[in-house]
Amino acid sequence: MPANKTPSNIVLIGMPGSGKSTVGVLLAKRLGLGFVDTDLLIQQEAGRTLQEIVDGDGYQALRRIEEQVLLKLDVRHQVISTGGSAVYSEPAMQHLKADGVVVFLDIPLDIVLDRIGDHSARGISRRPDQSLEELFNERFELYSGAADIVLDCVGKNHEEVCNAVLEALSGS
C-alpha cells in the first residue's frame, strides 16, 4: 500500500471473548462502515459450526479453512472481526494489512476465562493437549506482532473499547 494511502478497513484481532464481534458492530455503526465477522464466513464456507469443524477434522482444518476465507476476502470500508486463530496465517494477516489497520483487543487470561466459560463449545483452534493458558501465551506474541495498535481493554466495557479504538485511529 502506498505510504500516503489510508487503509479503508479496520481489522480486529484478539482472543475469543475479547469483544471483537461486539466492538466491531459498534465501530461499524459509529463510522458508517460495513461489518464482517470472519467466523461466520468460515461457517458459511464449511457448512458447519467452528466446533463441528474442530471436532470432525481437527484444529488444523479450521485454521486451513480460515486462511482460505481470509485470503479470498476482498472488501473495502469494513470493520473485520477475525477469528482468534487468524494470526497463525502470515499470508492471511499480510492480506488483511494490505488495506487495513490491525487492532489487537488485549484482555488478560482471567477475563478470557470469565467471558468464554465452557470453551469446549466455542470452536477454539488449539492442539488437543494445549491448555487455554498455553494457547493464550502463544497467541499473545502473535497478536502483538501483527497489530498496528494494541489496546488494553481491562476495565472497559464495549462502548469504552469502541471509543478507545476511535481515539487510537485518529492518533495514528
C-alpha atoms as a PDB file:
ATOM      1  CA  MET A   1       0.000   0.000   0.000  1.00  0.00           C
ATOM      2  CA  PRO A   2       1.412   3.430  -0.856  1.00  0.00           C
ATOM      3  CA  ALA A   3       2.531   5.341   2.223  1.00  0.00           C
ATOM      4  CA  ASN A   4       0.006   8.119   1.594  1.00  0.00           C
ATOM      5  CA  LYS A   5      -2.993   5.799   1.240  1.00  0.00           C
ATOM      6  CA  THR A   6      -5.128   5.449   4.346  1.00  0.00           C
ATOM      7  CA  PRO A   7      -6.270   1.874   4.971  1.00  0.00           C
ATOM      8  CA  SER A   8     -10.002   1.522   4.399  1.00  0.00           C
ATOM      9  CA  ASN A   9     -10.608  -1.429   6.749  1.00  0.00           C
ATOM     10  CA  ILE A  10     -10.286  -1.849  10.497  1.00  0.00           C
ATOM     11  CA  VAL A  11      -9.228  -5.387  11.418  1.00  0.00           C
ATOM     12  CA  LEU A  12      -9.865  -6.564  14.982  1.00  0.00           C
ATOM     13  CA  ILE A  13      -7.742  -9.392  16.389  1.00  0.00           C
ATOM     14  CA  GLY A  14      -7.629 -10.976  19.829  1.00  0.00           C
ATOM     15  CA  MET A  15      -8.616 -13.936  21.941  1.00  0.00           C
ATOM     16  CA  PRO A  16     -12.123 -15.364  21.972  1.00  0.00           C
ATOM     17  CA  GLY A  17     -14.091 -13.250  24.430  1.00  0.00           C
ATOM     18  CA  SER A  18     -12.068 -10.082  23.778  1.00  0.00           C
ATOM     19  CA  GLY A  19     -15.097  -8.365  22.250  1.00  0.00           C
ATOM     20  CA  LYS A  20     -14.090  -8.362  18.575  1.00  0.00           C
ATOM     21  CA  SER A  21     -17.592  -9.019  17.250  1.00  0.00           C
ATOM     22  CA  THR A  22     -19.458  -6.732  19.652  1.00  0.00           C
ATOM     23  CA  VAL A  23     -16.961  -3.868  19.401  1.00  0.00           C
ATOM     24  CA  GLY A  24     -16.774  -4.410  15.641  1.00  0.00           C
ATOM     25  CA  VAL A  25     -20.507  -3.826  15.232  1.00  0.00           C
ATOM     26  CA  LEU A  26     -20.321  -0.707  17.418  1.00  0.00           C
ATOM     27  CA  LEU A  27     -17.382   0.639  15.399  1.00  0.00           C
ATOM     28  CA  ALA A  28     -19.125  -0.057  12.086  1.00  0.00           C
ATOM     29  CA  LYS A  29     -22.225   1.812  13.259  1.00  0.00           C
ATOM     30  CA  ARG A  30     -20.221   4.769  14.580  1.00  0.00           C
ATOM     31  CA  LEU A  31     -18.098   5.065  11.430  1.00  0.00           C
ATOM     32  CA  GLY A  32     -20.757   4.205   8.852  1.00  0.00           C
ATOM     33  CA  LEU A  33     -18.812   1.164   7.687  1.00  0.00           C
ATOM     34  CA  GLY A  34     -19.878  -2.392   6.938  1.00  0.00           C
ATOM     35  CA  PHE A  35     -19.149  -5.239   9.323  1.00  0.00           C
ATOM     36  CA  VAL A  36     -17.650  -8.647   8.523  1.00  0.00           C
ATOM     37  CA  ASP A  37     -17.349 -11.461  11.072  1.00  0.00           C
ATOM     38  CA  THR A  38     -14.909 -13.944   9.555  1.00  0.00           C
ATOM     39  CA  ASP A  39     -16.028 -16.741  11.908  1.00  0.00           C
ATOM     40  CA  LEU A  40     -19.454 -16.526  10.234  1.00  0.00           C
ATOM     41  CA  LEU A  41     -17.814 -16.605   6.787  1.00  0.00           C
ATOM     42  CA  ILE A  42     -15.890 -19.741   7.808  1.00  0.00           C
ATOM     43  CA  GLN A  43     -19.091 -21.431   8.990  1.00  0.00           C
ATOM     44  CA  GLN A  44     -20.854 -20.429   5.783  1.00  0.00           C
ATOM     45  CA  GLU A  45     -17.978 -21.739   3.655  1.00  0.00           C
ATOM     46  CA  ALA A  46     -17.750 -25.042   5.553  1.00  0.00           C
ATOM     47  CA  GLY A  47     -21.473 -25.515   6.119  1.00  0.00           C
ATOM     48  CA  ARG A  48     -20.677 -26.339   9.751  1.00  0.00           C
ATOM     49  CA  THR A  49     -20.065 -24.557  13.031  1.00  0.00           C
ATOM     50  CA  LEU A  50     -16.483 -23.889  14.095  1.00  0.00           C
ATOM     51  CA  GLN A  51     -16.846 -26.506  16.824  1.00  0.00           C
ATOM     52  CA  GLU A  52     -18.102 -29.109  14.330  1.00  0.00           C
ATOM     53  CA  ILE A  53     -15.038 -28.426  12.153  1.00  0.00           C
ATOM     54  CA  VAL A  54     -12.684 -28.824  15.142  1.00  0.00           C
ATOM     55  CA  ASP A  55     -14.487 -31.943  16.396  1.00  0.00           C
ATOM     56  CA  GLY A  56     -14.730 -33.563  12.962  1.00  0.00           C
ATOM     57  CA  ASP A  57     -11.477 -32.617  11.285  1.00  0.00           C
ATOM     58  CA  GLY A  58      -9.236 -31.097  13.978  1.00  0.00           C
ATOM     59  CA  TYR A  59      -7.960 -27.637  14.778  1.00  0.00           C
ATOM     60  CA  GLN A  60      -5.575 -27.579  11.792  1.00  0.00           C
ATOM     61  CA  ALA A  61      -8.532 -27.988   9.420  1.00  0.00           C
ATOM     62  CA  LEU A  62     -10.197 -24.962  10.987  1.00  0.00           C
ATOM     63  CA  ARG A  63      -7.001 -22.935  10.517  1.00  0.00           C
ATOM     64  CA  ARG A  64      -6.736 -24.024   6.853  1.00  0.00           C
ATOM     65  CA  ILE A  65     -10.339 -23.044   6.114  1.00  0.00           C
ATOM     66  CA  GLU A  66      -9.846 -19.775   7.988  1.00  0.00           C
ATOM     67  CA  GLU A  67      -6.755 -18.957   5.929  1.00  0.00           C
ATOM     68  CA  GLN A  68      -8.615 -19.665   2.661  1.00  0.00           C
ATOM     69  CA  VAL A  69     -11.568 -17.490   3.731  1.00  0.00           C
ATOM     70  CA  LEU A  70      -9.291 -14.609   4.784  1.00  0.00           C
ATOM     71  CA  LEU A  71      -7.229 -14.753   1.592  1.00  0.00           C
ATOM     72  CA  LYS A  72     -10.424 -14.592  -0.503  1.00  0.00           C
ATOM     73  CA  LEU A  73     -11.780 -11.647   1.484  1.00  0.00           C
ATOM     74  CA  ASP A  74     -11.843  -8.610  -0.779  1.00  0.00           C
ATOM     75  CA  VAL A  75     -13.645  -5.776   0.962  1.00  0.00           C
ATOM     76  CA  ARG A  76     -13.283  -2.031   1.444  1.00  0.00           C
ATOM     77  CA  HIS A  77     -14.599   0.247   4.188  1.00  0.00           C
ATOM     78  CA  GLN A  78     -15.366  -2.593   6.581  1.00  0.00           C
ATOM     79  CA  VAL A  79     -14.736  -3.417  10.195  1.00  0.00           C
ATOM     80  CA  ILE A  80     -13.465  -7.002  10.126  1.00  0.00           C
ATOM     81  CA  SER A  81     -13.736  -9.177  13.217  1.00  0.00           C
ATOM     82  CA  THR A  82     -11.341 -12.088  12.777  1.00  0.00           C
ATOM     83  CA  GLY A  83     -11.357 -15.465  14.443  1.00  0.00           C
ATOM     84  CA  GLY A  84      -8.912 -15.837  17.306  1.00  0.00           C
ATOM     85  CA  SER A  85      -6.627 -18.021  15.221  1.00  0.00           C
ATOM     86  CA  ALA A  86      -6.344 -15.725  12.166  1.00  0.00           C
ATOM     87  CA  VAL A  87      -2.858 -14.676  13.303  1.00  0.00           C
ATOM     88  CA  TYR A  88      -1.487 -18.168  12.667  1.00  0.00           C
ATOM     89  CA  SER A  89      -1.568 -17.424   8.938  1.00  0.00           C
ATOM     90  CA  GLU A  90       1.112 -14.964   7.907  1.00  0.00           C
ATOM     91  CA  PRO A  91      -0.258 -14.745   4.318  1.00  0.00           C
ATOM     92  CA  ALA A  92      -3.766 -14.007   5.638  1.00  0.00           C
ATOM     93  CA  MET A  93      -2.523 -11.324   8.018  1.00  0.00           C
ATOM     94  CA  GLN A  94      -0.475  -9.670   5.251  1.00  0.00           C
ATOM     95  CA  HIS A  95      -3.564  -9.722   3.040  1.00  0.00           C
ATOM     96  CA  LEU A  96      -5.664  -8.060   5.785  1.00  0.00           C
ATOM     97  CA  LYS A  97      -2.938  -5.484   6.486  1.00  0.00           C
ATOM     98  CA  ALA A  98      -2.728  -4.528   2.799  1.00  0.00           C
ATOM     99  CA  ASP A  99      -5.835  -2.341   3.184  1.00  0.00           C
ATOM    100  CA  GLY A 100      -6.455  -2.449   6.908  1.00  0.00           C
ATOM    101  CA  VAL A 101      -5.221  -1.182  10.225  1.00  0.00           C
ATOM    102  CA  VAL A 102      -4.939  -4.101  12.664  1.00  0.00           C
ATOM    103  CA  VAL A 103      -6.156  -3.502  16.218  1.00  0.00           C
ATOM    104  CA  PHE A 104      -5.395  -6.029  18.969  1.00  0.00           C
ATOM    105  CA  LEU A 105      -8.071  -6.030  21.681  1.00  0.00           C
ATOM    106  CA  ASP A 106      -5.883  -7.128  24.587  1.00  0.00           C
ATOM    107  CA  ILE A 107      -7.536  -8.731  27.613  1.00  0.00           C
ATOM    108  CA  PRO A 108      -5.857 -10.880  30.283  1.00  0.00           C
ATOM    109  CA  LEU A 109      -6.375 -14.626  30.573  1.00  0.00           C
ATOM    110  CA  ASP A 110      -8.663 -14.405  33.616  1.00  0.00           C
ATOM    111  CA  ILE A 111     -11.114 -12.230  31.660  1.00  0.00           C
ATOM    112  CA  VAL A 112     -10.949 -14.624  28.685  1.00  0.00           C
ATOM    113  CA  LEU A 113     -11.855 -17.468  31.053  1.00  0.00           C
ATOM    114  CA  ASP A 114     -14.695 -15.460  32.638  1.00  0.00           C
ATOM    115  CA  ARG A 115     -16.159 -14.466  29.285  1.00  0.00           C
ATOM    116  CA  ILE A 116     -15.957 -17.687  27.333  1.00  0.00           C
ATOM    117  CA  GLY A 117     -16.932 -20.037  30.151  1.00  0.00           C
ATOM    118  CA  ASP A 118     -17.241 -23.530  28.701  1.00  0.00           C
ATOM    119  CA  HIS A 119     -14.818 -23.035  25.829  1.00  0.00           C
ATOM    120  CA  SER A 120     -15.477 -26.533  24.528  1.00  0.00           C
ATOM    121  CA  ALA A 121     -18.427 -25.108  22.568  1.00  0.00           C
ATOM    122  CA  ARG A 122     -16.564 -22.110  21.146  1.00  0.00           C
ATOM    123  CA  GLY A 123     -14.728 -23.804  18.287  1.00  0.00           C
ATOM    124  CA  ILE A 124     -11.353 -22.650  19.570  1.00  0.00           C
ATOM    125  CA  SER A 125      -8.479 -23.717  17.355  1.00  0.00           C
ATOM    126  CA  ARG A 126      -5.917 -25.328  19.646  1.00  0.00           C
ATOM    127  CA  ARG A 127      -3.974 -28.547  19.970  1.00  0.00           C
ATOM    128  CA  PRO A 128      -5.860 -31.180  21.986  1.00  0.00           C
ATOM    129  CA  ASP A 129      -3.071 -31.233  24.595  1.00  0.00           C
ATOM    130  CA  GLN A 130      -2.849 -27.430  24.834  1.00  0.00           C
ATOM    131  CA  SER A 131      -4.266 -25.614  27.846  1.00  0.00           C
ATOM    132  CA  LEU A 132      -6.096 -22.346  27.358  1.00  0.00           C
ATOM    133  CA  GLU A 133      -3.250 -20.632  29.244  1.00  0.00           C
ATOM    134  CA  GLU A 134      -0.646 -22.061  26.848  1.00  0.00           C
ATOM    135  CA  LEU A 135      -2.776 -21.009  23.894  1.00  0.00           C
ATOM    136  CA  PHE A 136      -3.187 -17.529  25.371  1.00  0.00           C
ATOM    137  CA  ASN A 137       0.572 -17.096  25.803  1.00  0.00           C
ATOM    138  CA  GLU A 138       1.316 -18.410  22.308  1.00  0.00           C
ATOM    139  CA  ARG A 139      -1.257 -16.144  20.687  1.00  0.00           C
ATOM    140  CA  PHE A 140      -0.329 -13.052  22.722  1.00  0.00           C
ATOM    141  CA  GLU A 141       3.023 -12.930  20.918  1.00  0.00           C
ATOM    142  CA  LEU A 142       1.345 -13.347  17.527  1.00  0.00           C
ATOM    143  CA  TYR A 143      -1.302 -10.702  18.220  1.00  0.00           C
ATOM    144  CA  SER A 144       1.287  -8.229  19.486  1.00  0.00           C
ATOM    145  CA  GLY A 145       3.482  -8.817  16.441  1.00  0.00           C
ATOM    146  CA  ALA A 146       0.642  -8.438  13.936  1.00  0.00           C
ATOM    147  CA  ALA A 147      -1.002  -5.383  15.497  1.00  0.00           C
ATOM    148  CA  ASP A 148      -0.654  -1.809  14.323  1.00  0.00           C
ATOM    149  CA  ILE A 149      -2.451  -0.730  17.505  1.00  0.00           C
ATOM    150  CA  VAL A 150      -2.585  -2.612  20.820  1.00  0.00           C
ATOM    151  CA  LEU A 151      -5.468  -1.635  23.097  1.00  0.00           C
ATOM    152  CA  ASP A 152      -5.547  -2.577  26.758  1.00  0.00           C
ATOM    153  CA  CYS A 153      -9.227  -3.388  27.302  1.00  0.00           C
ATOM    154  CA  VAL A 154      -9.081  -4.084  31.045  1.00  0.00           C
ATOM    155  CA  GLY A 155     -11.835  -2.310  32.944  1.00  0.00           C
ATOM    156  CA  LYS A 156     -13.526  -1.065  29.771  1.00  0.00           C
ATOM    157  CA  ASN A 157     -16.990  -2.009  28.570  1.00  0.00           C
ATOM    158  CA  HIS A 158     -17.632  -2.491  24.852  1.00  0.00           C
ATOM    159  CA  GLU A 159     -18.618   1.146  24.304  1.00  0.00           C
ATOM    160  CA  GLU A 160     -15.431   2.334  26.035  1.00  0.00           C
ATOM    161  CA  VAL A 161     -13.330  -0.055  23.941  1.00  0.00           C
ATOM    162  CA  CYS A 162     -15.029   1.309  20.822  1.00  0.00           C
ATOM    163  CA  ASN A 163     -14.169   4.861  21.920  1.00  0.00           C
ATOM    164  CA  ALA A 164     -10.566   3.811  22.619  1.00  0.00           C
ATOM    165  CA  VAL A 165     -10.274   2.311  19.124  1.00  0.00           C
ATOM    166  CA  LEU A 166     -11.614   5.523  17.554  1.00  0.00           C
ATOM    167  CA  GLU A 167      -9.198   7.601  19.632  1.00  0.00           C
ATOM    168  CA  ALA A 168      -6.243   5.379  18.674  1.00  0.00           C
ATOM    169  CA  LEU A 169      -7.213   5.515  14.990  1.00  0.00           C
ATOM    170  CA  SER A 170      -7.437   9.296  14.987  1.00  0.00           C
ATOM    171  CA  GLY A 171      -3.984   9.471  16.546  1.00  0.00           C
ATOM    172  CA  SER A 172      -2.381   7.021  14.150  1.00  0.00           C
END
